[in-house]
């Protein structure tokens, strides 16, 4: 499921990137066409004349705004699906935190969970047993130091 989440995120970002690249490419082609058509040649010799700025009323090559908008809109869906998948790994517990209502009731146990994208997030807490060793400060107590066990998080 983690692979699916990352694959959806990559597809969404790729669609957004291709939308931007399409616009940049079309604008580049339009400017190059405008530059090439603005050159003038001498009718008798065929040599290029010094460039005079030629103004065109509109772009010569059409920029594909509609296709770029459709690509960007198609990129939103995989990103929203990827943001709605929350994975809680083994040894952890999750708490669903909402941007609107705060901490939501209930614990999310290890596994895959669906959350509301862009509204809910999952905070992870370690539930594994932790071992802490302490050393005493005086030399007499240092010989009797023992490891302490503590259950952290639950």
C-alpha atoms as a PDB file:
ATOM      1  CA  UNK A   1       0.000   0.000   0.000  1.00  0.00           C
ATOM      2  CA  UNK A   2       2.959   2.271   0.620  1.00  0.00           C
ATOM      3  CA  UNK A   3       4.086   1.673  -2.963  1.00  0.00           C
ATOM      4  CA  UNK A   4       0.607   2.623  -4.205  1.00  0.00           C
ATOM      5  CA  UNK A   5       0.680   5.833  -2.136  1.00  0.00           C
ATOM      6  CA  UNK A   6       4.054   6.886  -3.552  1.00  0.00           C
ATOM      7  CA  UNK A   7       3.083   5.831  -7.079  1.00  0.00           C
ATOM      8  CA  UNK A   8      -0.058   7.986  -6.943  1.00  0.00           C
ATOM      9  CA  UNK A   9       1.954  10.932  -5.635  1.00  0.00           C
ATOM     10  CA  UNK A  10       4.513  10.533  -8.436  1.00  0.00           C
ATOM     11  CA  UNK A  11       1.772  10.318 -11.089  1.00  0.00           C
ATOM     12  CA  UNK A  12       0.061  13.446  -9.733  1.00  0.00           C
ATOM     13  CA  UNK A  13       3.291  15.427  -9.617  1.00  0.00           C
ATOM     14  CA  UNK A  14       4.171  14.173 -13.109  1.00  0.00           C
ATOM     15  CA  UNK A  15       0.844  15.386 -14.502  1.00  0.00           C
ATOM     16  CA  UNK A  16       1.357  18.809 -12.935  1.00  0.00           C
ATOM     17  CA  UNK A  17       4.900  18.934 -14.298  1.00  0.00           C
ATOM     18  CA  UNK A  18       3.811  17.940 -17.791  1.00  0.00           C
ATOM     19  CA  UNK A  19       1.143  20.637 -17.699  1.00  0.00           C
ATOM     20  CA  UNK A  20       3.747  23.276 -16.873  1.00  0.00           C
ATOM     21  CA  UNK A  21       6.211  21.900 -19.409  1.00  0.00           C
ATOM     22  CA  UNK A  22       3.538  21.990 -22.117  1.00  0.00           C
ATOM     23  CA  UNK A  23       2.860  25.673 -21.438  1.00  0.00           C
ATOM     24  CA  UNK A  24       6.548  26.573 -21.394  1.00  0.00           C
ATOM     25  CA  UNK A  25       7.133  24.678 -24.653  1.00  0.00           C
ATOM     26  CA  UNK A  26       4.186  26.318 -26.434  1.00  0.00           C
ATOM     27  CA  UNK A  27       5.253  29.789 -25.329  1.00  0.00           C
ATOM     28  CA  UNK A  28       8.824  29.047 -26.465  1.00  0.00           C
ATOM     29  CA  UNK A  29       7.603  27.884 -29.899  1.00  0.00           C
ATOM     30  CA  UNK A  30       5.412  30.953 -30.244  1.00  0.00           C
ATOM     31  CA  UNK A  31       8.295  33.292 -29.427  1.00  0.00           C
ATOM     32  CA  UNK A  32      10.639  31.489 -31.857  1.00  0.00           C
ATOM     33  CA  UNK A  33       8.033  31.641 -34.629  1.00  0.00           C
ATOM     34  CA  UNK A  34       7.482  35.328 -33.943  1.00  0.00           C
ATOM     35  CA  UNK A  35      11.246  35.950 -34.087  1.00  0.00           C
ATOM     36  CA  UNK A  36      11.698  34.012 -37.344  1.00  0.00           C
ATOM     37  CA  UNK A  37       8.749  35.632 -39.090  1.00  0.00           C
ATOM     38  CA  UNK A  38       9.924  39.059 -37.987  1.00  0.00           C
ATOM     39  CA  UNK A  39      13.102  38.805 -40.062  1.00  0.00           C
ATOM     40  CA  UNK A  40      13.021  40.494 -43.418  1.00  0.00           C
ATOM     41  CA  UNK A  41      15.007  39.630 -46.525  1.00  0.00           C
ATOM     42  CA  UNK A  42      16.035  41.835 -49.390  1.00  0.00           C
ATOM     43  CA  UNK A  43      13.967  40.855 -52.431  1.00  0.00           C
ATOM     44  CA  UNK A  44      16.818  41.228 -54.913  1.00  0.00           C
ATOM     45  CA  UNK A  45      19.775  39.651 -53.086  1.00  0.00           C
ATOM     46  CA  UNK A  46      18.016  37.479 -50.502  1.00  0.00           C
ATOM     47  CA  UNK A  47      20.186  38.781 -47.660  1.00  0.00           C
ATOM     48  CA  UNK A  48      18.781  39.473 -44.243  1.00  0.00           C
ATOM     49  CA  UNK A  49      18.016  43.111 -43.603  1.00  0.00           C
ATOM     50  CA  UNK A  50      18.725  44.709 -40.227  1.00  0.00           C
ATOM     51  CA  UNK A  51      16.000  43.703 -37.821  1.00  0.00           C
ATOM     52  CA  UNK A  52      13.204  46.138 -37.286  1.00  0.00           C
ATOM     53  CA  UNK A  53      10.879  45.403 -34.408  1.00  0.00           C
ATOM     54  CA  UNK A  54       7.717  43.975 -35.919  1.00  0.00           C
ATOM     55  CA  UNK A  55       4.636  43.939 -33.719  1.00  0.00           C
ATOM     56  CA  UNK A  56       2.016  41.233 -34.038  1.00  0.00           C
ATOM     57  CA  UNK A  57      -1.418  41.710 -32.573  1.00  0.00           C
ATOM     58  CA  UNK A  58      -1.660  38.208 -31.085  1.00  0.00           C
ATOM     59  CA  UNK A  59       0.550  35.128 -30.616  1.00  0.00           C
ATOM     60  CA  UNK A  60       1.199  33.309 -33.849  1.00  0.00           C
ATOM     61  CA  UNK A  61       1.145  29.762 -32.533  1.00  0.00           C
ATOM     62  CA  UNK A  62      -1.713  28.832 -30.237  1.00  0.00           C
ATOM     63  CA  UNK A  63      -0.848  28.005 -26.639  1.00  0.00           C
ATOM     64  CA  UNK A  64      -2.729  24.888 -25.537  1.00  0.00           C
ATOM     65  CA  UNK A  65      -4.282  26.284 -22.350  1.00  0.00           C
ATOM     66  CA  UNK A  66      -7.172  23.798 -22.343  1.00  0.00           C
ATOM     67  CA  UNK A  67      -4.916  20.748 -22.479  1.00  0.00           C
ATOM     68  CA  UNK A  68      -2.700  22.170 -19.729  1.00  0.00           C
ATOM     69  CA  UNK A  69      -5.749  22.757 -17.525  1.00  0.00           C
ATOM     70  CA  UNK A  70      -7.006  19.202 -18.112  1.00  0.00           C
ATOM     71  CA  UNK A  71      -3.575  17.764 -17.247  1.00  0.00           C
ATOM     72  CA  UNK A  72      -3.415  19.808 -14.044  1.00  0.00           C
ATOM     73  CA  UNK A  73      -6.971  18.808 -13.089  1.00  0.00           C
ATOM     74  CA  UNK A  74      -6.139  15.155 -13.770  1.00  0.00           C
ATOM     75  CA  UNK A  75      -3.114  15.511 -11.474  1.00  0.00           C
ATOM     76  CA  UNK A  76      -5.293  16.556  -8.527  1.00  0.00           C
ATOM     77  CA  UNK A  77      -7.113  13.211  -8.238  1.00  0.00           C
ATOM     78  CA  UNK A  78      -4.060  10.955  -7.699  1.00  0.00           C
ATOM     79  CA  UNK A  79      -2.598  13.452  -5.236  1.00  0.00           C
ATOM     80  CA  UNK A  80      -5.791  13.560  -3.165  1.00  0.00           C
ATOM     81  CA  UNK A  81      -5.967   9.768  -3.098  1.00  0.00           C
ATOM     82  CA  UNK A  82      -2.298   9.575  -2.057  1.00  0.00           C
ATOM     83  CA  UNK A  83      -2.845  12.134   0.721  1.00  0.00           C
ATOM     84  CA  UNK A  84      -5.819  10.162   2.049  1.00  0.00           C
ATOM     85  CA  UNK A  85      -3.765   6.999   2.708  1.00  0.00           C
ATOM     86  CA  UNK A  86      -2.143   6.891   6.161  1.00  0.00           C
ATOM     87  CA  UNK A  87       0.120   3.985   7.108  1.00  0.00           C
ATOM     88  CA  UNK A  88       0.894   3.169  10.744  1.00  0.00           C
ATOM     89  CA  UNK A  89       3.964   0.874  10.976  1.00  0.00           C
ATOM     90  CA  UNK A  90       4.386  -1.998  13.452  1.00  0.00           C
ATOM     91  CA  UNK A  91       5.350  -0.885  16.939  1.00  0.00           C
ATOM     92  CA  UNK A  92       3.554   2.436  16.592  1.00  0.00           C
ATOM     93  CA  UNK A  93       0.082   3.781  17.252  1.00  0.00           C
ATOM     94  CA  UNK A  94      -1.481   6.722  15.509  1.00  0.00           C
ATOM     95  CA  UNK A  95      -3.754   9.537  16.583  1.00  0.00           C
ATOM     96  CA  UNK A  96      -5.853  11.266  13.959  1.00  0.00           C
ATOM     97  CA  UNK A  97      -5.497  15.044  14.254  1.00  0.00           C
ATOM     98  CA  UNK A  98      -7.901  17.287  12.377  1.00  0.00           C
ATOM     99  CA  UNK A  99      -7.175  20.850  11.323  1.00  0.00           C
ATOM    100  CA  UNK A 100     -10.743  21.751  12.279  1.00  0.00           C
ATOM    101  CA  UNK A 101     -11.691  19.616  15.321  1.00  0.00           C
ATOM    102  CA  UNK A 102      -8.316  18.839  16.912  1.00  0.00           C
ATOM    103  CA  UNK A 103      -7.465  15.316  18.117  1.00  0.00           C
ATOM    104  CA  UNK A 104     -10.092  12.786  17.045  1.00  0.00           C
ATOM    105  CA  UNK A 105     -11.130   9.969  19.395  1.00  0.00           C
ATOM    106  CA  UNK A 106      -9.781   6.475  18.856  1.00  0.00           C
ATOM    107  CA  UNK A 107      -6.383   4.954  18.293  1.00  0.00           C
ATOM    108  CA  UNK A 108      -5.137   3.939  14.878  1.00  0.00           C
ATOM    109  CA  UNK A 109      -3.408   0.586  15.214  1.00  0.00           C
ATOM    110  CA  UNK A 110      -0.702  -0.676  12.804  1.00  0.00           C
ATOM    111  CA  UNK A 111      -1.966  -0.978   9.256  1.00  0.00           C
ATOM    112  CA  UNK A 112      -3.469   1.131   6.504  1.00  0.00           C
ATOM    113  CA  UNK A 113      -6.045   3.798   7.296  1.00  0.00           C
ATOM    114  CA  UNK A 114      -7.967   6.314   5.201  1.00  0.00           C
ATOM    115  CA  UNK A 115      -8.088   9.916   6.393  1.00  0.00           C
ATOM    116  CA  UNK A 116      -9.663  13.045   4.974  1.00  0.00           C
ATOM    117  CA  UNK A 117      -7.002  14.564   2.716  1.00  0.00           C
ATOM    118  CA  UNK A 118      -5.755  18.067   3.549  1.00  0.00           C
ATOM    119  CA  UNK A 119      -7.892  18.116   6.738  1.00  0.00           C
ATOM    120  CA  UNK A 120      -6.718  15.152   8.842  1.00  0.00           C
ATOM    121  CA  UNK A 121      -3.192  14.030   9.613  1.00  0.00           C
ATOM    122  CA  UNK A 122      -1.837  11.130  11.655  1.00  0.00           C
ATOM    123  CA  UNK A 123       0.656  11.596  14.485  1.00  0.00           C
ATOM    124  CA  UNK A 124       2.679   8.463  15.275  1.00  0.00           C
ATOM    125  CA  UNK A 125       3.697   7.357  18.770  1.00  0.00           C
ATOM    126  CA  UNK A 126       6.154   4.605  19.610  1.00  0.00           C
ATOM    127  CA  UNK A 127       4.540   1.771  21.626  1.00  0.00           C
ATOM    128  CA  UNK A 128       7.562  -0.531  21.835  1.00  0.00           C
ATOM    129  CA  UNK A 129       9.145  -1.342  25.163  1.00  0.00           C
ATOM    130  CA  UNK A 130      12.057   0.975  25.920  1.00  0.00           C
ATOM    131  CA  UNK A 131      15.045  -0.031  28.093  1.00  0.00           C
ATOM    132  CA  UNK A 132      16.873   2.734  29.942  1.00  0.00           C
ATOM    133  CA  UNK A 133      20.026   2.121  31.968  1.00  0.00           C
ATOM    134  CA  UNK A 134      21.079   4.573  34.631  1.00  0.00           C
ATOM    135  CA  UNK A 135      24.347   4.903  36.482  1.00  0.00           C
ATOM    136  CA  UNK A 136      24.553   6.097  40.082  1.00  0.00           C
ATOM    137  CA  UNK A 137      26.693   9.107  40.902  1.00  0.00           C
ATOM    138  CA  UNK A 138      28.612   7.824  43.948  1.00  0.00           C
ATOM    139  CA  UNK A 139      31.210   5.010  43.615  1.00  0.00           C
ATOM    140  CA  UNK A 140      29.424   2.887  46.222  1.00  0.00           C
ATOM    141  CA  UNK A 141      26.111   3.115  44.361  1.00  0.00           C
ATOM    142  CA  UNK A 142      27.770   2.707  40.989  1.00  0.00           C
ATOM    143  CA  UNK A 143      28.414  -0.984  41.758  1.00  0.00           C
ATOM    144  CA  UNK A 144      24.709  -1.567  42.359  1.00  0.00           C
ATOM    145  CA  UNK A 145      23.379   0.244  39.284  1.00  0.00           C
ATOM    146  CA  UNK A 146      20.703  -1.716  37.546  1.00  0.00           C
ATOM    147  CA  UNK A 147      18.854  -1.281  34.274  1.00  0.00           C
ATOM    148  CA  UNK A 148      15.390   0.144  34.532  1.00  0.00           C
ATOM    149  CA  UNK A 149      12.581  -0.968  32.261  1.00  0.00           C
ATOM    150  CA  UNK A 150       9.838   1.373  31.334  1.00  0.00           C
ATOM    151  CA  UNK A 151       6.901   0.993  29.048  1.00  0.00           C
ATOM    152  CA  UNK A 152       6.613   4.135  27.071  1.00  0.00           C
ATOM    153  CA  UNK A 153       3.452   5.170  25.268  1.00  0.00           C
ATOM    154  CA  UNK A 154       0.987   2.725  26.395  1.00  0.00           C
END
